[in-house]
Protein backbone atom coordinates (compact mmCIF):
# COMPACT_ATOMS: atom_id res chain seq x y z
CA UNK A 1 71.20 126.01 96.93
CA UNK A 2 68.50 126.06 99.93
CA UNK A 3 65.69 128.49 100.64
CA UNK A 4 64.18 128.04 104.00
CA UNK A 5 65.68 124.52 104.27
CA UNK A 6 64.12 123.66 100.84
CA UNK A 7 66.52 122.42 98.11
CA UNK A 8 66.57 124.26 94.79
CA UNK A 9 67.96 122.62 91.79
CA UNK A 10 68.49 124.37 88.47
CA UNK A 11 70.62 124.04 85.38
CA UNK A 12 73.80 126.31 85.23
CA UNK A 13 74.62 125.67 81.78
CA UNK A 14 74.92 122.90 79.04
CA UNK A 15 77.46 121.59 76.56
CA UNK A 16 75.65 122.16 73.26
CA UNK A 17 76.46 122.06 69.47
CA UNK A 18 77.41 125.39 67.75
CA UNK A 19 73.97 127.00 66.94
CA UNK A 20 75.52 128.35 63.60
CA UNK A 21 75.93 124.64 62.36
CA UNK A 22 73.30 123.94 59.59
CA UNK A 23 72.40 120.66 61.15
CA UNK A 24 71.14 122.17 64.39
CA UNK A 25 70.29 125.78 63.69
CA UNK A 26 66.64 124.87 63.06
CA UNK A 27 66.32 123.02 66.31
CA UNK A 28 67.88 125.97 68.04
CA UNK A 29 65.33 128.35 66.62
CA UNK A 30 62.33 126.11 67.52
CA UNK A 31 63.56 125.72 70.92
CA UNK A 32 63.85 129.27 71.70
CA UNK A 33 60.59 130.18 70.20
CA UNK A 34 58.69 127.56 72.36
CA UNK A 35 58.00 127.82 76.01
CA UNK A 36 60.04 124.85 77.16
CA UNK A 37 61.68 124.18 80.42
CA UNK A 38 65.45 123.98 80.53
CA UNK A 39 65.53 120.17 80.57
CA UNK A 40 63.09 119.94 77.61
CA UNK A 41 65.32 122.25 75.67
CA UNK A 42 68.28 120.14 76.42
CA UNK A 43 66.52 117.05 75.21
CA UNK A 44 65.61 118.88 72.06
CA UNK A 45 68.80 120.31 71.21
CA UNK A 46 70.73 117.10 72.00
CA UNK A 47 68.27 114.59 71.10
CA UNK A 48 68.77 111.04 69.89
CA UNK A 49 67.21 112.03 66.52
CA UNK A 50 70.15 114.45 65.92
CA UNK A 51 73.41 113.29 64.39
CA UNK A 52 76.05 115.09 66.36
CA UNK A 53 79.07 113.21 65.00
CA UNK A 54 81.82 115.55 64.04
CA UNK A 55 80.09 118.62 65.56
CA UNK A 56 81.94 120.40 68.32
CA UNK A 57 80.16 120.96 71.48
CA UNK A 58 80.66 124.39 73.17
CA UNK A 59 79.71 125.49 76.67
CA UNK A 60 76.66 127.62 77.20
CA UNK A 61 75.28 129.25 80.35
CA UNK A 62 71.78 130.45 81.41
CA UNK A 63 71.74 134.17 82.17
CA UNK A 64 67.92 134.35 83.10
CA UNK A 65 66.37 132.42 85.66
CA UNK A 66 62.81 132.44 87.26
CA UNK A 67 62.33 131.70 90.93
CA UNK A 68 58.80 130.83 92.04
CA UNK A 69 58.17 130.99 95.64
CA UNK A 70 54.76 129.68 96.80
CA UNK A 71 53.75 130.56 100.45
CA UNK A 72 50.94 129.88 102.93
CA UNK A 73 50.64 132.67 105.30
CA UNK A 74 53.89 133.49 106.55
CA UNK A 75 55.59 129.95 105.76
CA UNK A 76 57.28 129.06 102.40
CA UNK A 77 55.93 125.92 101.17
CA UNK A 78 57.29 125.24 97.61
CA UNK A 79 60.32 126.76 95.64
CA UNK A 80 60.94 126.09 92.00
CA UNK A 81 63.83 127.37 89.72
CA UNK A 82 63.77 127.45 86.03
CA UNK A 83 66.25 128.69 83.42
CA UNK A 84 65.21 130.46 80.20
CA UNK A 85 66.38 128.67 77.15
CA UNK A 86 66.37 132.00 75.30
CA UNK A 87 69.09 133.28 77.67
CA UNK A 88 71.65 130.70 76.70
CA UNK A 89 74.94 132.42 75.80
CA UNK A 90 78.24 130.81 74.84
CA UNK A 91 80.79 131.11 77.28
CA UNK A 92 84.06 132.68 75.76
CA UNK A 93 87.22 133.92 77.42
CA UNK A 94 87.06 137.66 78.54
CA UNK A 95 83.30 137.89 77.88
CA UNK A 96 81.03 139.69 80.18
CA UNK A 97 77.86 138.07 81.09
CA UNK A 98 74.79 139.88 82.77
CA UNK A 99 72.66 137.60 84.97
CA UNK A 100 69.22 138.29 85.97
CA UNK A 101 66.85 136.45 88.49
CA UNK A 102 63.23 136.97 88.40
CA UNK A 103 61.34 136.21 91.68
CA UNK A 104 57.67 135.46 91.73
CA UNK A 105 55.64 135.11 94.87
CA UNK A 106 52.52 132.97 94.85
CA UNK A 107 49.98 132.15 97.51
CA UNK A 108 48.96 128.51 97.91
CA UNK A 109 46.65 126.21 100.06
CA UNK A 110 49.29 123.57 100.51
CA UNK A 111 50.03 122.82 104.29
CA UNK A 112 53.45 123.64 105.64
CA UNK A 113 53.89 120.28 107.25
CA UNK A 114 53.57 118.42 103.91
CA UNK A 115 56.00 120.57 101.86
CA UNK A 116 58.78 117.93 101.84
CA UNK A 117 56.25 115.28 100.25
CA UNK A 118 57.36 116.34 96.77
CA UNK A 119 60.85 115.59 97.49
CA UNK A 120 60.27 112.13 99.04
CA UNK A 121 60.27 109.55 96.18
CA UNK A 122 57.95 107.14 97.66
CA UNK A 123 57.59 105.18 94.47
CA UNK A 124 61.41 104.56 94.52
CA UNK A 125 62.03 103.87 98.13
CA UNK A 126 58.97 101.87 98.88
CA UNK A 127 59.05 99.91 95.80
CA UNK A 128 58.18 96.17 95.79
CA UNK A 129 61.87 95.31 95.32
CA UNK A 130 62.85 97.04 98.46
CA UNK A 131 60.25 94.96 100.52
CA UNK A 132 61.51 91.87 98.67
CA UNK A 133 65.00 92.46 99.70
CA UNK A 134 64.08 92.72 103.33
CA UNK A 135 62.17 89.53 103.10
CA UNK A 136 65.08 87.89 101.41
CA UNK A 137 67.41 89.13 104.16
CA UNK A 138 65.00 87.65 106.83
CA UNK A 139 65.19 84.17 104.90
CA UNK A 140 68.95 84.32 105.07
CA UNK A 141 68.90 85.09 108.82
CA UNK A 142 66.69 81.91 109.36
CA UNK A 143 68.98 79.73 107.34
CA UNK A 144 72.10 80.92 109.20
CA UNK A 145 70.40 80.64 112.62
CA UNK A 146 69.36 77.01 111.66
CA UNK A 147 73.06 76.16 110.40
CA UNK A 148 74.27 77.49 113.88
CA UNK A 149 71.77 75.59 115.65
CA UNK A 150 72.87 72.48 113.75
CA UNK A 151 76.38 73.00 114.92
CA UNK A 152 75.45 73.69 118.47
CA UNK A 153 72.75 70.95 119.02
CA UNK A 154 74.18 68.14 116.91
CA UNK A 155 77.95 68.58 116.14
CA UNK A 156 78.87 69.99 119.47
CA UNK A 157 76.68 67.48 121.24
CA UNK A 158 78.35 64.65 119.76
CA UNK A 159 81.72 66.27 120.69
CA UNK A 160 80.77 66.68 124.21
CA UNK A 161 79.69 63.05 124.32
CA UNK A 162 83.08 61.89 122.88
CA UNK A 163 85.00 64.15 125.17
CA UNK A 164 83.16 62.97 128.16
CA UNK A 165 83.68 59.22 127.57
CA UNK A 166 85.81 57.42 130.09
CA UNK A 167 87.12 53.86 130.12
CA UNK A 168 84.91 53.01 132.99
CA UNK A 169 81.87 53.98 131.03
CA UNK A 170 83.07 51.56 128.16
CA UNK A 171 83.73 48.68 130.64
CA UNK A 172 80.26 49.19 132.21
CA UNK A 173 78.44 49.71 128.97
CA UNK A 174 76.81 52.73 130.40
CA UNK A 175 76.82 54.99 127.18
CA UNK A 176 74.05 56.91 125.36
CA UNK A 177 72.86 55.90 122.01
CA UNK A 178 74.47 59.03 120.51
CA UNK A 179 77.80 58.37 121.93
CA UNK A 180 78.12 55.00 120.17
CA UNK A 181 77.80 53.53 116.61
CA UNK A 182 75.36 50.80 115.44
CA UNK A 183 77.85 48.14 116.81
CA UNK A 184 77.91 49.63 120.33
CA UNK A 185 81.57 51.13 119.96
CA UNK A 186 82.38 54.78 120.82
CA UNK A 187 82.22 57.25 118.14
CA UNK A 188 85.72 58.20 116.93
CA UNK A 189 87.20 60.59 114.42
CA UNK A 190 88.45 58.97 111.35
CA UNK A 191 92.21 58.87 111.44
CA UNK A 192 92.59 59.24 115.11
CA UNK A 193 94.46 56.59 117.05
CA UNK A 194 92.67 54.63 119.73
CA UNK A 195 93.65 52.54 122.64
CA UNK A 196 91.21 49.72 123.53
CA UNK A 197 88.53 51.17 121.59
CA UNK A 198 88.91 54.63 123.39
CA UNK A 199 90.29 57.90 121.83
CA UNK A 200 93.90 58.00 122.63
CA UNK A 201 93.72 61.79 123.01
CA UNK A 202 91.33 64.65 122.48
CA UNK A 203 90.59 65.50 118.96
CA UNK A 204 89.17 68.61 117.20
CA UNK A 205 88.58 71.85 118.95
CA UNK A 206 89.16 70.59 122.60
CA UNK A 207 92.84 69.95 121.62
CA UNK A 208 93.47 73.75 121.83
CA UNK A 209 91.80 74.34 125.27
CA UNK A 210 95.06 75.32 126.69
CA UNK A 211 95.65 78.00 124.05
CA UNK A 212 92.18 79.28 122.88
CA UNK A 213 92.29 81.99 125.32
CA UNK A 214 95.69 83.29 124.57
CA UNK A 215 96.06 86.92 123.85
CA UNK A 216 95.86 87.85 120.12
CA UNK A 217 98.85 89.36 118.26
CA UNK A 218 99.34 93.02 118.44
CA UNK A 219 97.03 93.10 121.43
CA UNK A 220 97.35 96.89 121.80
CA UNK A 221 96.17 97.54 118.29
CA UNK A 222 93.55 94.89 118.48
CA UNK A 223 92.07 96.48 121.73
CA UNK A 224 91.95 99.85 120.14
CA UNK A 225 90.23 98.72 116.97
CA UNK A 226 87.62 96.72 119.06
CA UNK A 227 87.11 99.77 121.13
CA UNK A 228 86.51 101.99 118.17
CA UNK A 229 84.20 99.39 116.78
CA UNK A 230 81.90 99.49 119.87
CA UNK A 231 81.89 103.25 119.59
CA UNK A 232 80.73 102.88 115.90
CA UNK A 233 77.99 100.26 116.81
CA UNK A 234 76.73 102.68 119.63
CA UNK A 235 76.97 105.56 117.25
CA UNK A 236 75.10 104.08 114.39
CA UNK A 237 72.31 102.69 116.54
CA UNK A 238 71.89 106.01 118.26
CA UNK A 239 71.65 107.85 114.95
CA UNK A 240 69.14 105.38 113.29
CA UNK A 241 66.92 105.48 116.44
CA UNK A 242 67.03 109.26 116.49
CA UNK A 243 66.00 109.24 112.80
CA UNK A 244 63.22 106.73 113.36
CA UNK A 245 61.90 108.90 116.21
CA UNK A 246 61.57 111.73 113.71
CA UNK A 247 57.73 112.07 114.21
CA UNK A 248 58.33 113.08 117.77
CA UNK A 249 61.05 115.61 117.34
CA UNK A 250 60.65 116.51 113.61
CA UNK A 251 61.60 114.60 110.57
CA UNK A 252 65.45 114.64 110.07
CA UNK A 253 65.27 115.45 106.39
CA UNK A 254 63.13 118.52 107.01
CA UNK A 255 66.08 120.40 108.70
CA UNK A 256 69.33 120.58 106.73
CA UNK A 257 72.27 119.07 108.61
CA UNK A 258 70.31 117.58 111.56
CA UNK A 259 71.72 114.04 110.72
CA UNK A 260 75.22 115.46 110.55
CA UNK A 261 74.72 117.04 113.99
CA UNK A 262 73.31 113.89 115.47
CA UNK A 263 76.42 111.85 114.04
CA UNK A 264 78.84 114.48 115.67
CA UNK A 265 77.05 114.40 119.04
CA UNK A 266 76.80 110.52 119.16
CA UNK A 267 80.40 110.19 118.27
CA UNK A 268 81.55 112.53 120.93
CA UNK A 269 79.31 111.06 123.69
CA UNK A 270 80.02 107.50 122.74
CA UNK A 271 83.82 107.82 123.12
CA UNK A 272 83.46 106.54 126.69
CA UNK A 273 82.13 103.31 125.10
CA UNK A 274 85.45 103.03 123.10
CA UNK A 275 87.62 103.66 126.05
CA UNK A 276 85.82 101.24 128.33
CA UNK A 277 85.75 98.47 125.52
CA UNK A 278 89.49 98.81 124.55
CA UNK A 279 90.59 99.11 128.35
CA UNK A 280 88.67 96.01 129.52
CA UNK A 281 89.69 93.99 126.42
CA UNK A 282 93.52 94.83 127.12
CA UNK A 283 93.19 93.95 130.71
CA UNK A 284 91.42 90.62 129.96
CA UNK A 285 94.28 89.51 127.79
CA UNK A 286 97.32 91.18 129.32
CA UNK A 287 98.03 89.17 132.44
CA UNK A 288 99.65 85.84 133.23
CA UNK A 289 100.44 83.20 130.63
CA UNK A 290 97.93 84.83 128.33
CA UNK A 291 100.43 87.55 127.20
CA UNK A 292 104.01 87.97 127.53
CA UNK A 293 103.94 91.69 126.79
CA UNK A 294 103.52 92.87 130.34
CA UNK A 295 106.95 91.69 131.77
CA UNK A 296 107.51 94.74 133.91
CA UNK A 297 105.39 97.37 135.64
CA UNK A 298 107.00 100.19 133.52
CA UNK A 299 106.32 98.22 130.27
CA UNK A 300 102.72 97.46 131.31
CA UNK A 301 102.04 101.03 131.96
CA UNK A 302 103.63 101.99 128.78
CA UNK A 303 101.31 99.61 126.89
CA UNK A 304 98.16 100.92 128.66
CA UNK A 305 99.16 104.38 127.52
CA UNK A 306 99.58 103.11 123.84
CA UNK A 307 96.12 101.36 123.98
CA UNK A 308 94.57 104.57 125.29
CA UNK A 309 96.27 106.68 122.57
CA UNK A 310 95.50 104.34 119.71
CA UNK A 311 91.81 104.31 120.76
CA UNK A 312 91.83 108.02 120.91
CA UNK A 313 93.71 108.68 117.68
CA UNK A 314 93.04 105.74 115.27
CA UNK A 315 89.89 106.62 113.52
CA UNK A 316 90.11 110.32 113.89
CA UNK A 317 93.57 110.32 112.16
CA UNK A 318 92.38 108.25 109.22
CA UNK A 319 89.18 110.41 108.84
CA UNK A 320 91.11 113.59 109.09
CA UNK A 321 93.58 112.54 106.52
CA UNK A 322 90.84 111.60 104.00
CA UNK A 323 88.93 114.74 104.72
CA UNK A 324 91.84 117.08 104.62
CA UNK A 325 92.76 115.79 101.24
CA UNK A 326 89.18 116.27 99.94
CA UNK A 327 88.96 119.59 101.47
CA UNK A 328 92.23 120.65 99.76
CA UNK A 329 90.91 119.55 96.45
CA UNK A 330 87.59 121.47 97.04
CA UNK A 331 89.65 124.63 97.96
CA UNK A 332 91.82 124.23 94.93
CA UNK A 333 88.53 123.96 92.51
CA UNK A 334 86.71 126.69 94.48
CA UNK A 335 83.64 124.60 95.22
CA UNK A 336 81.13 125.26 97.97
CA UNK A 337 81.83 122.08 99.65
CA UNK A 338 85.01 123.34 101.22
CA UNK A 339 84.77 123.04 104.93
CA UNK A 340 85.35 126.64 106.65
CA UNK A 341 88.22 127.09 108.92
CA UNK A 342 85.99 128.08 111.87
CA UNK A 343 83.92 124.96 111.43
CA UNK A 344 87.22 122.99 111.48
CA UNK A 345 88.19 124.71 114.89
CA UNK A 346 84.71 123.89 116.38
CA UNK A 347 84.98 120.20 115.33
CA UNK A 348 88.67 120.10 116.74
CA UNK A 349 87.38 121.70 120.08
CA UNK A 350 84.61 118.93 120.46
CA UNK A 351 87.16 116.28 119.91
CA UNK A 352 89.70 117.83 122.37
CA UNK A 353 87.27 118.89 125.23
CA UNK A 354 84.59 116.09 124.79
CA UNK A 355 85.84 113.10 122.97
CA UNK A 356 89.36 112.79 124.30
CA UNK A 357 88.51 113.17 127.95
CA UNK A 358 85.62 110.60 127.66
CA UNK A 359 87.87 108.18 125.93
CA UNK A 360 90.62 108.56 128.66
CA UNK A 361 87.86 108.18 131.39
CA UNK A 362 86.36 105.06 129.74
CA UNK A 363 89.79 103.48 129.34
CA UNK A 364 90.36 104.06 133.10
CA UNK A 365 87.08 102.36 133.83
CA UNK A 366 87.96 99.39 131.76
CA UNK A 367 91.28 99.02 133.43
CA UNK A 368 89.57 98.76 136.79
CA UNK A 369 86.65 96.67 135.56
CA UNK A 370 85.65 93.41 137.34
CA UNK A 371 86.29 90.77 134.73
CA UNK A 372 84.59 87.77 136.65
CA UNK A 373 82.00 87.58 139.11
CA UNK A 374 83.97 85.51 141.58
CA UNK A 375 87.15 87.57 141.15
CA UNK A 376 89.07 84.46 139.63
CA UNK A 377 90.14 83.62 136.20
CA UNK A 378 87.79 85.19 133.80
CA UNK A 379 88.33 82.33 131.42
CA UNK A 380 86.94 78.75 131.70
CA UNK A 381 90.29 77.18 130.79
CA UNK A 382 93.89 77.86 131.92
CA UNK A 383 96.31 79.12 129.22
CA UNK A 384 99.45 76.93 128.80
CA UNK A 385 102.88 78.50 129.29
CA UNK A 386 104.10 77.13 125.90
CA UNK A 387 101.89 77.50 122.91
CA UNK A 388 101.05 74.34 120.89
CA UNK A 389 102.07 74.17 117.26
CA UNK A 390 99.13 74.93 114.76
CA UNK A 391 98.65 71.97 112.22
CA UNK A 392 99.69 72.93 108.64
CA UNK A 393 98.12 69.96 106.91
CA UNK A 394 94.34 70.97 107.46
CA UNK A 395 91.50 70.62 104.90
CA UNK A 396 90.32 73.67 102.95
CA UNK A 397 87.42 74.35 105.12
CA UNK A 398 89.71 74.72 107.96
CA UNK A 399 91.79 77.52 106.70
CA UNK A 400 90.78 81.07 107.66
CA UNK A 401 91.78 82.41 104.21
CA UNK A 402 89.30 80.13 102.51
CA UNK A 403 86.50 80.93 104.91
CA UNK A 404 86.67 84.85 105.57
CA UNK A 405 85.77 85.70 101.97
CA UNK A 406 82.52 83.71 102.03
CA UNK A 407 81.51 85.15 105.33
CA UNK A 408 81.96 88.63 103.95
CA UNK A 409 79.93 87.69 100.88
CA UNK A 410 77.06 86.38 102.90
CA UNK A 411 76.92 89.61 105.08
CA UNK A 412 77.01 91.78 102.12
CA UNK A 413 74.35 89.75 100.50
CA UNK A 414 72.01 90.83 103.36
CA UNK A 415 72.42 94.60 102.88
CA UNK A 416 73.45 95.22 99.25
CA UNK A 417 69.87 96.29 98.20
CA UNK A 418 69.62 98.83 101.08
CA UNK A 419 73.27 99.90 100.02
CA UNK A 420 71.95 100.89 96.57
CA UNK A 421 69.24 103.00 98.08
CA UNK A 422 71.67 104.63 100.47
CA UNK A 423 74.29 105.48 97.61
CA UNK A 424 71.37 106.75 95.43
CA UNK A 425 70.36 109.14 98.16
CA UNK A 426 73.90 110.33 98.70
CA UNK A 427 74.95 110.91 95.17
CA UNK A 428 71.68 111.18 92.95
CA UNK A 429 69.74 114.05 94.84
CA UNK A 430 67.23 111.86 96.72
CA UNK A 431 66.00 112.27 100.30
CA UNK A 432 66.42 108.97 102.24
CA UNK A 433 63.52 108.78 104.70
CA UNK A 434 62.73 105.00 105.26
CA UNK A 435 64.68 104.76 108.50
CA UNK A 436 62.40 101.79 109.61
CA UNK A 437 63.90 99.86 106.64
CA UNK A 438 67.43 100.95 107.77
CA UNK A 439 67.01 99.64 111.31
CA UNK A 440 65.69 96.38 110.16
CA UNK A 441 68.45 95.99 107.84
CA UNK A 442 71.10 96.96 110.71
CA UNK A 443 69.50 94.25 112.91
CA UNK A 444 69.66 91.66 110.14
CA UNK A 445 73.33 92.69 109.33
CA UNK A 446 74.22 92.19 113.16
CA UNK A 447 72.58 88.68 113.00
CA UNK A 448 74.23 87.47 109.73
CA UNK A 449 77.72 88.60 110.91
CA UNK A 450 77.42 87.01 114.09
CA UNK A 451 76.26 83.66 112.55
CA UNK A 452 78.75 83.60 109.80
CA UNK A 453 81.52 84.54 112.26
CA UNK A 454 80.69 81.65 114.64
CA UNK A 455 80.54 79.19 111.80
CA UNK A 456 84.02 80.29 110.66
CA UNK A 457 85.59 80.25 114.11
CA UNK A 458 84.03 76.66 114.63
CA UNK A 459 85.66 75.37 111.64
CA UNK A 460 89.09 76.95 112.41
CA UNK A 461 88.96 75.58 116.21
CA UNK A 462 88.12 72.17 114.68
CA UNK A 463 91.15 72.38 112.58
CA UNK A 464 93.14 73.17 116.01
CA UNK A 465 93.83 76.60 115.01
CA UNK A 466 93.39 78.73 118.09
CA UNK A 467 94.26 82.02 116.68
CA UNK A 468 90.51 82.99 116.40
CA UNK A 469 90.33 86.55 117.47
CA UNK A 470 91.74 88.16 114.32
CA UNK A 471 90.10 85.62 112.35
CA UNK A 472 86.67 86.54 113.84
CA UNK A 473 87.28 90.18 113.33
CA UNK A 474 88.32 89.65 109.69
CA UNK A 475 85.24 87.55 109.06
CA UNK A 476 83.05 90.45 109.88
CA UNK A 477 85.24 93.22 108.48
CA UNK A 478 85.77 91.35 105.08
CA UNK A 479 82.29 92.76 104.19
CA UNK A 480 83.84 96.16 103.68
CA UNK A 481 85.64 94.86 100.64
CA UNK A 482 82.59 93.87 98.92
CA UNK A 483 80.98 97.21 99.86
CA UNK A 484 83.95 99.07 98.30
CA UNK A 485 83.75 97.04 95.23
CA UNK A 486 80.09 97.64 94.80
CA UNK A 487 80.83 101.33 95.15
CA UNK A 488 83.19 101.05 92.33
CA UNK A 489 80.35 99.41 90.22
CA UNK A 490 77.82 101.97 91.28
CA UNK A 491 80.32 104.83 90.27
CA UNK A 492 80.84 103.46 86.66
CA UNK A 493 77.27 102.18 85.99
CA UNK A 494 74.87 104.21 88.15
CA UNK A 495 76.21 107.76 88.03
CA UNK A 496 77.33 110.25 85.40
CA UNK A 497 80.56 111.51 87.35
CA UNK A 498 83.66 112.48 85.70
CA UNK A 499 86.71 114.49 86.34
CA UNK A 500 89.10 114.59 89.20
CA UNK A 501 87.03 116.67 91.63
CA UNK A 502 83.98 114.29 91.44
CA UNK A 503 85.94 111.18 91.46
CA UNK A 504 88.12 112.15 94.42
CA UNK A 505 85.03 113.05 96.53
CA UNK A 506 83.21 109.91 95.64
CA UNK A 507 85.91 107.37 96.22
CA UNK A 508 87.14 109.43 99.43
CA UNK A 509 83.68 109.04 100.98
CA UNK A 510 83.15 105.63 99.81
CA UNK A 511 86.38 104.64 101.47
CA UNK A 512 85.27 106.07 104.69
CA UNK A 513 82.01 104.15 104.51
CA UNK A 514 83.66 100.97 103.89
CA UNK A 515 86.27 101.49 106.43
CA UNK A 516 83.86 102.34 109.19
CA UNK A 517 81.46 99.45 108.22
CA UNK A 518 84.38 97.04 108.33
CA UNK A 519 85.34 98.09 111.92
CA UNK A 520 81.82 97.97 113.04
CA UNK A 521 81.14 94.60 111.51
CA UNK A 522 84.44 93.04 112.66
CA UNK A 523 83.52 94.04 116.24
CA UNK A 524 80.20 92.25 116.07
CA UNK A 525 81.97 89.20 114.71
CA UNK A 526 84.56 89.33 117.55
CA UNK A 527 81.96 89.60 120.17
CA UNK A 528 79.76 86.77 118.84
CA UNK A 529 82.75 84.56 118.38
CA UNK A 530 83.93 85.28 121.85
CA UNK A 531 80.57 84.27 123.45
CA UNK A 532 80.61 81.16 121.31
CA UNK A 533 84.06 80.20 122.43
CA UNK A 534 83.52 80.83 126.09
CA UNK A 535 80.18 78.75 125.87
CA UNK A 536 81.67 75.58 124.21
CA UNK A 537 84.70 75.47 126.48
CA UNK A 538 82.86 76.22 129.73
CA UNK A 539 81.10 72.87 129.35
CA UNK A 540 84.25 70.88 128.74
CA UNK A 541 86.02 68.98 131.56
CA UNK A 542 89.65 69.38 131.31
CA UNK A 543 92.23 67.10 133.13
């Protein structure tokens, strides 16, 4: 419970051996005679030095509790709740229990502004391992940036040189050193046919210049997912910056529910970002040879409406299904975590009157957005009317199914230490307050996802696979699988949860976290890959 926004924890009861059993009777008497806290009593009665094999454990409940409230003038500074071990009574069917709460008010000289310091575990959150994980993530960023730079500066440079060669260059001998081998002959790909020492045809990623900007499959769904991802990116950055600015407006952990209110507000206001992103992406790929879906004005209008509806409904529908299930479970068990009906109505009103209109307005803005500065084709290459076949006999490093898991693993490796601290705060009664760390890890994650996705897309394009949009999204989103698997590990080895209620809530919220993180990182991956593909094809001359 909370008193003046200060959390209060106390023991409700314990599963203890029968006090009439000769093996534990003496321990019970000693514990009741001593002035122990409830936790010390529990350790004594169920200690490691006591052989409990074959002894039945019975439920006991504390009936006497002592609440100590320390105050400074008219401000509550500290609250402590203890349970009296002597008041333990066995819970039996039909038994009447009398509970008593003794409250003691004590003056103190502690300042009000520092009352939350006792709840902030600085030794845990600012441990040396936490700092080392940030340093390790930065090293990973530098490694990936170096790898991408190697691709851009060396591999692509050679590709450009090979594609730019002409027969006249060969006859005149006017070629740079990086375009020829040690014998003065043009650099060719192994296994590629040549005519007169020149490549007979383009090789590698330039082969797909007429298909690389073709619309992805299920364009309506893809546009809605990307729009939702941009909303989550905006929401996450907004909430983190709000928390980092805590010293200016008040630390977010000092007022209960402030982070949740910030999330709801940022989600509602960022709906316009979702609408604009999905609308502009659908417009980008829905015209001409890029897509065959808009064959008639009526069909095009229906697809626009479907894109807008999916953007509005996709994430809220999944979230409502999961939270409704958890709320039903909570209602059946009679816990205090049940969301009241009036709160549900308030959230529904915010969604209907704020989020939905902003999403529709954003979609209309995206539909009428100017996609190119000169009003022409927004892509550097024309799209062929007939798609070229995708080679099936490609090396292992050219298959998306082999590359995507490694991309997700690298991204997960940059955040898993911070994920441990977040899960510990969420499930183990700790206040997360190092939002500067969280901001740094978020930026690192953005860079790592971008770099790994660019590498995956380059290898796929080099294997002449032009279906890069879903591959780029999957490269970033694959991290969510590792996040969920780590959540499973955390549940079994880092918590003591059991029973259907706790299991349902844990995995319900873990699924939501993994899903939202997957959409967010997939959108970052798609954006980075899109910029990369445009950049490399913009500098290639196509006949």
